[in-house]
Amino acid sequence: MREEREGLAEIEHADTGKPMPMAYAEVGGSIAYFELYGSFV
């Protein structure tokens, strides 16, 4: 996900109309959740 962060943020921006800084922040939060919950496995 980190490698595709920019593309994912662009998709989020296009899909929801959110400003790019907010889309980047949401993608960053998603990455953090994936890393956190992935560490439990």
N, C-alpha and C. Protein backbone atom coordinates (compact mmCIF):
# COMPACT_ATOMS: atom_id res chain seq x y z
N MET A 1 0.82 -1.20 0.00
CA MET A 1 0.00 0.00 0.00
C MET A 1 0.87 1.26 0.00
N ARG A 2 1.99 1.20 0.71
CA ARG A 2 2.84 2.40 0.75
C ARG A 2 3.34 2.77 -0.65
N GLU A 3 3.65 1.77 -1.45
CA GLU A 3 4.14 2.04 -2.80
C GLU A 3 3.06 2.67 -3.67
N GLU A 4 1.81 2.38 -3.39
CA GLU A 4 0.69 2.88 -4.19
C GLU A 4 -0.05 4.04 -3.50
N ARG A 5 0.58 4.64 -2.50
CA ARG A 5 -0.09 5.67 -1.70
C ARG A 5 -0.65 6.81 -2.55
N GLU A 6 0.15 7.31 -3.47
CA GLU A 6 -0.31 8.44 -4.29
C GLU A 6 -1.51 8.05 -5.14
N GLY A 7 -1.43 6.90 -5.78
CA GLY A 7 -2.54 6.44 -6.62
C GLY A 7 -3.80 6.20 -5.82
N LEU A 8 -3.65 5.63 -4.65
CA LEU A 8 -4.81 5.39 -3.79
C LEU A 8 -5.44 6.71 -3.35
N ALA A 9 -4.60 7.69 -3.04
CA ALA A 9 -5.13 9.01 -2.66
C ALA A 9 -5.86 9.67 -3.82
N GLU A 10 -5.33 9.50 -5.03
CA GLU A 10 -6.00 10.06 -6.21
C GLU A 10 -7.36 9.40 -6.44
N ILE A 11 -7.42 8.09 -6.23
CA ILE A 11 -8.70 7.38 -6.36
C ILE A 11 -9.68 7.88 -5.30
N GLU A 12 -9.22 8.02 -4.07
CA GLU A 12 -10.08 8.52 -2.99
C GLU A 12 -10.59 9.92 -3.32
N HIS A 13 -9.71 10.76 -3.83
CA HIS A 13 -10.09 12.12 -4.20
C HIS A 13 -11.15 12.11 -5.32
N ALA A 14 -10.92 11.29 -6.33
CA ALA A 14 -11.86 11.22 -7.46
C ALA A 14 -13.19 10.62 -7.05
N ASP A 15 -13.14 9.64 -6.17
CA ASP A 15 -14.35 8.93 -5.76
C ASP A 15 -15.22 9.75 -4.82
N THR A 16 -14.58 10.47 -3.90
CA THR A 16 -15.35 11.17 -2.86
C THR A 16 -15.36 12.69 -3.01
N GLY A 17 -14.43 13.22 -3.82
CA GLY A 17 -14.34 14.67 -3.98
C GLY A 17 -13.62 15.36 -2.83
N LYS A 18 -12.98 14.57 -1.97
CA LYS A 18 -12.24 15.16 -0.85
C LYS A 18 -10.98 15.84 -1.38
N PRO A 19 -10.54 16.89 -0.68
CA PRO A 19 -9.28 17.53 -1.08
C PRO A 19 -8.12 16.53 -0.96
N MET A 20 -7.10 16.71 -1.79
CA MET A 20 -5.97 15.78 -1.81
C MET A 20 -5.30 15.63 -0.45
N PRO A 21 -5.07 16.71 0.31
CA PRO A 21 -4.43 16.50 1.63
C PRO A 21 -5.25 15.57 2.53
N MET A 22 -6.56 15.68 2.47
CA MET A 22 -7.41 14.82 3.27
C MET A 22 -7.36 13.38 2.74
N ALA A 23 -7.33 13.22 1.43
CA ALA A 23 -7.25 11.89 0.84
C ALA A 23 -5.93 11.22 1.23
N TYR A 24 -4.81 11.97 1.19
CA TYR A 24 -3.52 11.43 1.61
C TYR A 24 -3.57 11.01 3.08
N ALA A 25 -4.19 11.83 3.91
CA ALA A 25 -4.28 11.51 5.33
C ALA A 25 -5.09 10.24 5.56
N GLU A 26 -6.17 10.08 4.84
CA GLU A 26 -7.00 8.89 5.01
C GLU A 26 -6.27 7.63 4.52
N VAL A 27 -5.54 7.75 3.43
CA VAL A 27 -4.77 6.60 2.96
C VAL A 27 -3.68 6.26 3.98
N GLY A 28 -3.04 7.28 4.53
CA GLY A 28 -2.03 7.05 5.56
C GLY A 28 -2.61 6.36 6.78
N GLY A 29 -3.81 6.76 7.18
CA GLY A 29 -4.48 6.11 8.30
C GLY A 29 -4.82 4.67 7.99
N SER A 30 -5.24 4.41 6.78
CA SER A 30 -5.55 3.03 6.38
C SER A 30 -4.29 2.16 6.41
N ILE A 31 -3.20 2.71 5.95
CA ILE A 31 -1.93 1.97 5.98
C ILE A 31 -1.56 1.63 7.43
N ALA A 32 -1.72 2.60 8.31
CA ALA A 32 -1.40 2.37 9.72
C ALA A 32 -2.28 1.27 10.30
N TYR A 33 -3.57 1.26 9.98
CA TYR A 33 -4.46 0.21 10.48
C TYR A 33 -4.07 -1.16 9.93
N PHE A 34 -3.74 -1.23 8.65
CA PHE A 34 -3.32 -2.50 8.07
C PHE A 34 -2.07 -3.02 8.77
N GLU A 35 -1.11 -2.12 9.03
CA GLU A 35 0.11 -2.54 9.71
C GLU A 35 -0.17 -3.00 11.14
N LEU A 36 -1.03 -2.26 11.82
CA LEU A 36 -1.36 -2.61 13.21
C LEU A 36 -2.05 -3.97 13.27
N TYR A 37 -3.12 -4.13 12.53
CA TYR A 37 -3.86 -5.38 12.60
C TYR A 37 -3.09 -6.54 11.97
N GLY A 38 -2.24 -6.23 10.99
CA GLY A 38 -1.41 -7.27 10.40
C GLY A 38 -0.37 -7.80 11.38
N SER A 39 0.02 -6.96 12.32
CA SER A 39 1.01 -7.41 13.31
C SER A 39 0.42 -8.37 14.33
N PHE A 40 -0.90 -8.44 14.41
CA PHE A 40 -1.56 -9.34 15.36
C PHE A 40 -1.61 -10.78 14.86
N VAL A 41 -1.38 -10.95 13.57
CA VAL A 41 -1.51 -12.29 12.97
C VAL A 41 -0.25 -13.09 13.17
